[in-house]
Amino acid sequence: MCFALLADERLVGFGRAVTDLATHAYWTDVVIAAEWRGKGYGEWLARCMPDHPQLQGLRRVSLLTRDAESFSRHLGFTGDVPGLVYLERRGEG
């Protein structure tokens, strides 16, 4: 699912969740254009995404972040998930 934040038909924010619409969603993006950052639009978009009617009743919403851990925790995400292990398989090259 893609979410867009528009200002006069200009894309200034974008969010994306990969989901099966039944049990799980994985947030892959929440991005705000540089000149719009620091004004609360990123938080507004990040709070609107899980409110979407098709994302109700999911057992889990997950994300990986390199630079937004405190922001994600502020939104209710936690790293304290017993029994889950993060694994990945990288392509050659």
C-alpha atoms as a PDB file:
ATOM      1  CA  MET A   1       0.000   0.000   0.000  1.00  0.00           C
ATOM      2  CA  CYS A   2       1.319   3.410  -0.903  1.00  0.00           C
ATOM      3  CA  PHE A   3       0.512   6.639   0.892  1.00  0.00           C
ATOM      4  CA  ALA A   4       1.165  10.067  -0.611  1.00  0.00           C
ATOM      5  CA  LEU A   5       1.319  13.505   0.966  1.00  0.00           C
ATOM      6  CA  LEU A   6       0.626  16.144  -1.667  1.00  0.00           C
ATOM      7  CA  ALA A   7       0.936  19.915  -1.674  1.00  0.00           C
ATOM      8  CA  ASP A   8      -0.661  21.518  -4.739  1.00  0.00           C
ATOM      9  CA  GLU A   9      -0.267  18.254  -6.689  1.00  0.00           C
ATOM     10  CA  ARG A  10       3.416  18.027  -5.717  1.00  0.00           C
ATOM     11  CA  LEU A  11       4.562  14.886  -3.899  1.00  0.00           C
ATOM     12  CA  VAL A  12       6.154  16.003  -0.619  1.00  0.00           C
ATOM     13  CA  GLY A  13       5.771  12.821   1.436  1.00  0.00           C
ATOM     14  CA  PHE A  14       5.565   9.122   0.761  1.00  0.00           C
ATOM     15  CA  GLY A  15       4.890   6.044   2.877  1.00  0.00           C
ATOM     16  CA  ARG A  16       4.718   2.395   1.881  1.00  0.00           C
ATOM     17  CA  ALA A  17       3.672  -0.790   3.638  1.00  0.00           C
ATOM     18  CA  VAL A  18       4.021  -4.289   2.226  1.00  0.00           C
ATOM     19  CA  THR A  19       1.149  -6.327   3.634  1.00  0.00           C
ATOM     20  CA  ASP A  20      -0.987  -9.405   3.199  1.00  0.00           C
ATOM     21  CA  LEU A  21      -3.954  -7.331   4.484  1.00  0.00           C
ATOM     22  CA  ALA A  22      -4.682 -10.077   7.007  1.00  0.00           C
ATOM     23  CA  THR A  23      -1.951 -10.541   9.621  1.00  0.00           C
ATOM     24  CA  HIS A  24       1.198  -8.532   8.925  1.00  0.00           C
ATOM     25  CA  ALA A  25       2.472  -5.291   7.440  1.00  0.00           C
ATOM     26  CA  TYR A  26       6.081  -4.271   6.912  1.00  0.00           C
ATOM     27  CA  TRP A  27       6.763  -0.554   6.656  1.00  0.00           C
ATOM     28  CA  THR A  28       9.380   0.029   4.012  1.00  0.00           C
ATOM     29  CA  ASP A  29       9.257   3.810   3.622  1.00  0.00           C
ATOM     30  CA  VAL A  30       8.185   6.994   5.330  1.00  0.00           C
ATOM     31  CA  VAL A  31       9.958   9.822   3.523  1.00  0.00           C
ATOM     32  CA  ILE A  32       9.373  13.576   3.531  1.00  0.00           C
ATOM     33  CA  ALA A  33      10.947  16.005   1.037  1.00  0.00           C
ATOM     34  CA  ALA A  34      13.846  17.918   2.593  1.00  0.00           C
ATOM     35  CA  GLU A  35      12.160  21.330   2.600  1.00  0.00           C
ATOM     36  CA  TRP A  36       9.083  19.893   4.366  1.00  0.00           C
ATOM     37  CA  ARG A  37      10.962  18.094   7.169  1.00  0.00           C
ATOM     38  CA  GLY A  38      10.841  19.274  10.765  1.00  0.00           C
ATOM     39  CA  LYS A  39       7.246  20.463  10.488  1.00  0.00           C
ATOM     40  CA  GLY A  40       5.466  17.337  11.761  1.00  0.00           C
ATOM     41  CA  TYR A  41       4.416  15.953   8.385  1.00  0.00           C
ATOM     42  CA  GLY A  42       6.433  12.751   8.766  1.00  0.00           C
ATOM     43  CA  GLU A  43       4.846  11.992  12.106  1.00  0.00           C
ATOM     44  CA  TRP A  44       1.396  12.831  10.740  1.00  0.00           C
ATOM     45  CA  LEU A  45       1.896  10.465   7.790  1.00  0.00           C
ATOM     46  CA  ALA A  46       3.320   7.721  10.023  1.00  0.00           C
ATOM     47  CA  ARG A  47       0.300   7.992  12.326  1.00  0.00           C
ATOM     48  CA  CYS A  48      -2.192   7.954   9.421  1.00  0.00           C
ATOM     49  CA  MET A  49      -0.787   4.802   7.832  1.00  0.00           C
ATOM     50  CA  PRO A  50      -1.871   2.310  10.525  1.00  0.00           C
ATOM     51  CA  ASP A  51      -5.280   4.022  10.728  1.00  0.00           C
ATOM     52  CA  HIS A  52      -6.112   3.010   7.156  1.00  0.00           C
ATOM     53  CA  PRO A  53      -9.218   0.759   7.169  1.00  0.00           C
ATOM     54  CA  GLN A  54      -7.444  -2.070   5.320  1.00  0.00           C
ATOM     55  CA  LEU A  55      -4.677  -2.209   7.943  1.00  0.00           C
ATOM     56  CA  GLN A  56      -6.988  -2.823  10.901  1.00  0.00           C
ATOM     57  CA  GLY A  57      -6.741  -6.046  12.898  1.00  0.00           C
ATOM     58  CA  LEU A  58      -3.181  -6.937  11.895  1.00  0.00           C
ATOM     59  CA  ARG A  59      -1.254  -8.978  14.450  1.00  0.00           C
ATOM     60  CA  ARG A  60       2.047  -7.319  13.643  1.00  0.00           C
ATOM     61  CA  VAL A  61       3.467  -4.260  11.941  1.00  0.00           C
ATOM     62  CA  SER A  62       7.240  -4.284  11.601  1.00  0.00           C
ATOM     63  CA  LEU A  63      10.010  -2.116  10.243  1.00  0.00           C
ATOM     64  CA  LEU A  64      13.769  -1.908  10.002  1.00  0.00           C
ATOM     65  CA  THR A  65      15.529   1.415  10.438  1.00  0.00           C
ATOM     66  CA  ARG A  66      19.055   2.658  10.197  1.00  0.00           C
ATOM     67  CA  ASP A  67      18.475   6.183  11.451  1.00  0.00           C
ATOM     68  CA  ALA A  68      14.960   6.569  12.880  1.00  0.00           C
ATOM     69  CA  GLU A  69      14.886   4.325  15.945  1.00  0.00           C
ATOM     70  CA  SER A  70      13.795   7.014  18.418  1.00  0.00           C
ATOM     71  CA  PHE A  71      11.142   8.288  15.984  1.00  0.00           C
ATOM     72  CA  SER A  72       9.828   4.725  15.489  1.00  0.00           C
ATOM     73  CA  ARG A  73       9.747   4.056  19.237  1.00  0.00           C
ATOM     74  CA  HIS A  74       7.826   7.317  19.670  1.00  0.00           C
ATOM     75  CA  LEU A  75       5.191   5.807  17.333  1.00  0.00           C
ATOM     76  CA  GLY A  76       4.883   2.674  19.482  1.00  0.00           C
ATOM     77  CA  PHE A  77       7.368   0.340  17.792  1.00  0.00           C
ATOM     78  CA  THR A  78       9.579  -1.694  20.083  1.00  0.00           C
ATOM     79  CA  GLY A  79      12.666  -3.849  19.712  1.00  0.00           C
ATOM     80  CA  ASP A  80      11.597  -6.103  22.560  1.00  0.00           C
ATOM     81  CA  VAL A  81      10.040  -8.909  20.540  1.00  0.00           C
ATOM     82  CA  PRO A  82      10.615 -12.259  22.238  1.00  0.00           C
ATOM     83  CA  GLY A  83      10.970 -15.255  19.989  1.00  0.00           C
ATOM     84  CA  LEU A  84      11.691 -13.314  16.784  1.00  0.00           C
ATOM     85  CA  VAL A  85      15.066 -13.341  15.065  1.00  0.00           C
ATOM     86  CA  TYR A  86      15.949 -11.038  12.185  1.00  0.00           C
ATOM     87  CA  LEU A  87      17.563 -12.905   9.290  1.00  0.00           C
ATOM     88  CA  GLU A  88      18.325 -11.945   5.725  1.00  0.00           C
ATOM     89  CA  ARG A  89      19.620 -13.503   2.561  1.00  0.00           C
ATOM     90  CA  ARG A  90      21.753 -11.249   0.401  1.00  0.00           C
ATOM     91  CA  GLY A  91      22.227 -11.627  -3.312  1.00  0.00           C
ATOM     92  CA  GLU A  92      25.638 -12.185  -4.770  1.00  0.00           C
ATOM     93  CA  GLY A  93      27.309  -9.062  -6.016  1.00  0.00           C
END
